[in-house]
Amino acid sequence: MSLNVAGDGVRALLTDPQTSGGLLVSCAPEAVDDVLAIFRADAAVIGEMVDGAGRVEVA
């Protein structure tokens, strides 16, 4: 997996469990509506899993 971010400080901030914030949940595409309903307004879809080499891009 690669993490494409600018600078070591940003990388540390994004990967430090003390600053990571909320819970990250994954589910099958067909279960998205049910999972969002469980978490109510405190949840959002932030990405999807696709085939290929692992990488993280932060915009």
N, C-alpha and C. Protein backbone atom coordinates (compact mmCIF):
# COMPACT_ATOMS: atom_id res chain seq x y z
N MET A 1 0.85 -1.16 0.00
CA MET A 1 0.00 0.00 0.00
C MET A 1 0.90 1.22 0.00
N SER A 2 0.51 2.25 -0.76
CA SER A 2 1.23 3.51 -0.73
C SER A 2 0.31 4.61 -0.24
N LEU A 3 0.88 5.62 0.39
CA LEU A 3 0.12 6.74 0.92
C LEU A 3 0.66 8.00 0.26
N ASN A 4 -0.10 8.56 -0.68
CA ASN A 4 0.35 9.73 -1.44
C ASN A 4 -0.10 11.02 -0.76
N VAL A 5 0.73 11.55 0.13
CA VAL A 5 0.45 12.81 0.82
C VAL A 5 1.71 13.66 0.80
N ALA A 6 1.53 14.95 1.00
CA ALA A 6 2.66 15.87 0.99
C ALA A 6 3.27 15.99 2.37
N GLY A 7 4.48 15.48 2.54
CA GLY A 7 5.22 15.68 3.77
C GLY A 7 4.97 14.65 4.86
N ASP A 8 6.01 14.45 5.65
CA ASP A 8 5.93 13.49 6.76
C ASP A 8 4.96 13.94 7.84
N GLY A 9 4.82 15.26 8.06
CA GLY A 9 3.89 15.76 9.07
C GLY A 9 2.46 15.41 8.75
N VAL A 10 2.08 15.56 7.49
CA VAL A 10 0.73 15.21 7.06
C VAL A 10 0.51 13.71 7.20
N ARG A 11 1.49 12.93 6.79
CA ARG A 11 1.40 11.47 6.91
C ARG A 11 1.21 11.06 8.37
N ALA A 12 1.98 11.66 9.27
CA ALA A 12 1.86 11.32 10.69
C ALA A 12 0.48 11.70 11.22
N LEU A 13 -0.02 12.85 10.83
CA LEU A 13 -1.34 13.29 11.28
C LEU A 13 -2.44 12.35 10.79
N LEU A 14 -2.34 11.91 9.54
CA LEU A 14 -3.37 11.04 8.96
C LEU A 14 -3.33 9.62 9.50
N THR A 15 -2.20 9.19 10.01
CA THR A 15 -2.08 7.80 10.46
C THR A 15 -1.96 7.65 11.97
N ASP A 16 -2.00 8.75 12.72
CA ASP A 16 -1.91 8.69 14.17
C ASP A 16 -3.27 8.36 14.77
N PRO A 17 -3.39 7.23 15.51
CA PRO A 17 -4.70 6.86 16.06
C PRO A 17 -5.28 7.88 17.02
N GLN A 18 -4.46 8.77 17.58
CA GLN A 18 -4.96 9.79 18.49
C GLN A 18 -5.74 10.88 17.75
N THR A 19 -5.48 11.04 16.46
CA THR A 19 -6.13 12.11 15.69
C THR A 19 -7.00 11.57 14.57
N SER A 20 -7.20 10.26 14.52
CA SER A 20 -7.89 9.68 13.38
C SER A 20 -9.40 9.86 13.42
N GLY A 21 -9.95 10.26 14.54
CA GLY A 21 -11.38 10.55 14.58
C GLY A 21 -12.24 9.30 14.70
N GLY A 22 -13.25 9.24 13.85
CA GLY A 22 -14.29 8.23 13.97
C GLY A 22 -13.94 6.85 13.47
N LEU A 23 -14.95 6.05 13.40
CA LEU A 23 -14.86 4.65 13.02
C LEU A 23 -14.97 4.50 11.51
N LEU A 24 -14.10 3.68 10.93
CA LEU A 24 -14.17 3.37 9.51
C LEU A 24 -14.80 2.00 9.34
N VAL A 25 -15.87 1.92 8.56
CA VAL A 25 -16.61 0.68 8.36
C VAL A 25 -16.62 0.36 6.88
N SER A 26 -16.47 -0.90 6.54
CA SER A 26 -16.61 -1.30 5.14
C SER A 26 -17.75 -2.29 5.03
N CYS A 27 -18.39 -2.30 3.86
CA CYS A 27 -19.50 -3.23 3.63
C CYS A 27 -19.64 -3.47 2.12
N ALA A 28 -20.42 -4.46 1.78
CA ALA A 28 -20.70 -4.76 0.38
C ALA A 28 -21.55 -3.63 -0.21
N PRO A 29 -21.37 -3.33 -1.49
CA PRO A 29 -22.12 -2.23 -2.11
C PRO A 29 -23.64 -2.35 -1.92
N GLU A 30 -24.15 -3.55 -1.92
CA GLU A 30 -25.59 -3.73 -1.78
C GLU A 30 -26.09 -3.48 -0.34
N ALA A 31 -25.16 -3.35 0.61
CA ALA A 31 -25.55 -3.12 2.00
C ALA A 31 -25.38 -1.67 2.44
N VAL A 32 -24.94 -0.79 1.55
CA VAL A 32 -24.64 0.60 1.92
C VAL A 32 -25.82 1.29 2.60
N ASP A 33 -27.01 1.22 2.01
CA ASP A 33 -28.16 1.91 2.59
C ASP A 33 -28.49 1.41 3.99
N ASP A 34 -28.41 0.10 4.19
CA ASP A 34 -28.69 -0.46 5.51
C ASP A 34 -27.65 -0.02 6.54
N VAL A 35 -26.38 -0.02 6.14
CA VAL A 35 -25.31 0.38 7.07
C VAL A 35 -25.44 1.87 7.40
N LEU A 36 -25.70 2.70 6.41
CA LEU A 36 -25.88 4.13 6.68
C LEU A 36 -27.06 4.37 7.62
N ALA A 37 -28.12 3.60 7.47
CA ALA A 37 -29.29 3.74 8.33
C ALA A 37 -28.95 3.41 9.79
N ILE A 38 -28.08 2.44 9.98
CA ILE A 38 -27.67 2.08 11.35
C ILE A 38 -26.97 3.25 12.03
N PHE A 39 -26.09 3.92 11.29
CA PHE A 39 -25.32 5.03 11.87
C PHE A 39 -26.04 6.37 11.77
N ARG A 40 -27.12 6.41 11.07
CA ARG A 40 -27.95 7.61 10.89
C ARG A 40 -27.14 8.75 10.28
N ALA A 41 -27.27 9.96 10.78
CA ALA A 41 -26.65 11.14 10.18
C ALA A 41 -25.14 11.21 10.42
N ASP A 42 -24.61 10.34 11.25
CA ASP A 42 -23.18 10.39 11.58
C ASP A 42 -22.31 9.57 10.63
N ALA A 43 -22.81 9.22 9.46
CA ALA A 43 -22.06 8.36 8.54
C ALA A 43 -22.11 8.90 7.12
N ALA A 44 -21.10 8.53 6.34
CA ALA A 44 -21.05 8.93 4.94
C ALA A 44 -20.22 7.92 4.16
N VAL A 45 -20.51 7.77 2.90
CA VAL A 45 -19.70 6.96 2.01
C VAL A 45 -18.50 7.81 1.62
N ILE A 46 -17.28 7.27 1.82
CA ILE A 46 -16.07 8.05 1.52
C ILE A 46 -15.22 7.42 0.43
N GLY A 47 -15.60 6.26 -0.08
CA GLY A 47 -14.79 5.62 -1.11
C GLY A 47 -15.32 4.25 -1.45
N GLU A 48 -14.54 3.54 -2.23
CA GLU A 48 -14.91 2.18 -2.61
C GLU A 48 -13.65 1.36 -2.81
N MET A 49 -13.80 0.05 -2.67
CA MET A 49 -12.69 -0.86 -2.90
C MET A 49 -12.72 -1.29 -4.36
N VAL A 50 -11.57 -1.29 -4.98
CA VAL A 50 -11.45 -1.71 -6.38
C VAL A 50 -10.26 -2.64 -6.52
N ASP A 51 -10.26 -3.42 -7.59
CA ASP A 51 -9.13 -4.30 -7.88
C ASP A 51 -7.90 -3.48 -8.23
N GLY A 52 -6.74 -4.02 -7.92
CA GLY A 52 -5.50 -3.36 -8.30
C GLY A 52 -4.55 -3.24 -7.13
N ALA A 53 -3.44 -2.56 -7.38
CA ALA A 53 -2.43 -2.34 -6.34
C ALA A 53 -3.00 -1.41 -5.27
N GLY A 54 -2.70 -1.69 -4.00
CA GLY A 54 -3.21 -0.88 -2.91
C GLY A 54 -2.56 0.50 -2.89
N ARG A 55 -3.39 1.53 -2.65
CA ARG A 55 -2.87 2.89 -2.52
C ARG A 55 -3.94 3.75 -1.86
N VAL A 56 -3.51 4.84 -1.24
CA VAL A 56 -4.41 5.80 -0.64
C VAL A 56 -4.08 7.15 -1.23
N GLU A 57 -5.08 7.87 -1.72
CA GLU A 57 -4.87 9.22 -2.25
C GLU A 57 -5.69 10.19 -1.41
N VAL A 58 -5.04 11.25 -0.95
CA VAL A 58 -5.71 12.26 -0.14
C VAL A 58 -5.74 13.54 -0.96
N ALA A 59 -6.96 14.06 -1.15
CA ALA A 59 -7.10 15.29 -1.96
C ALA A 59 -7.30 16.49 -1.08
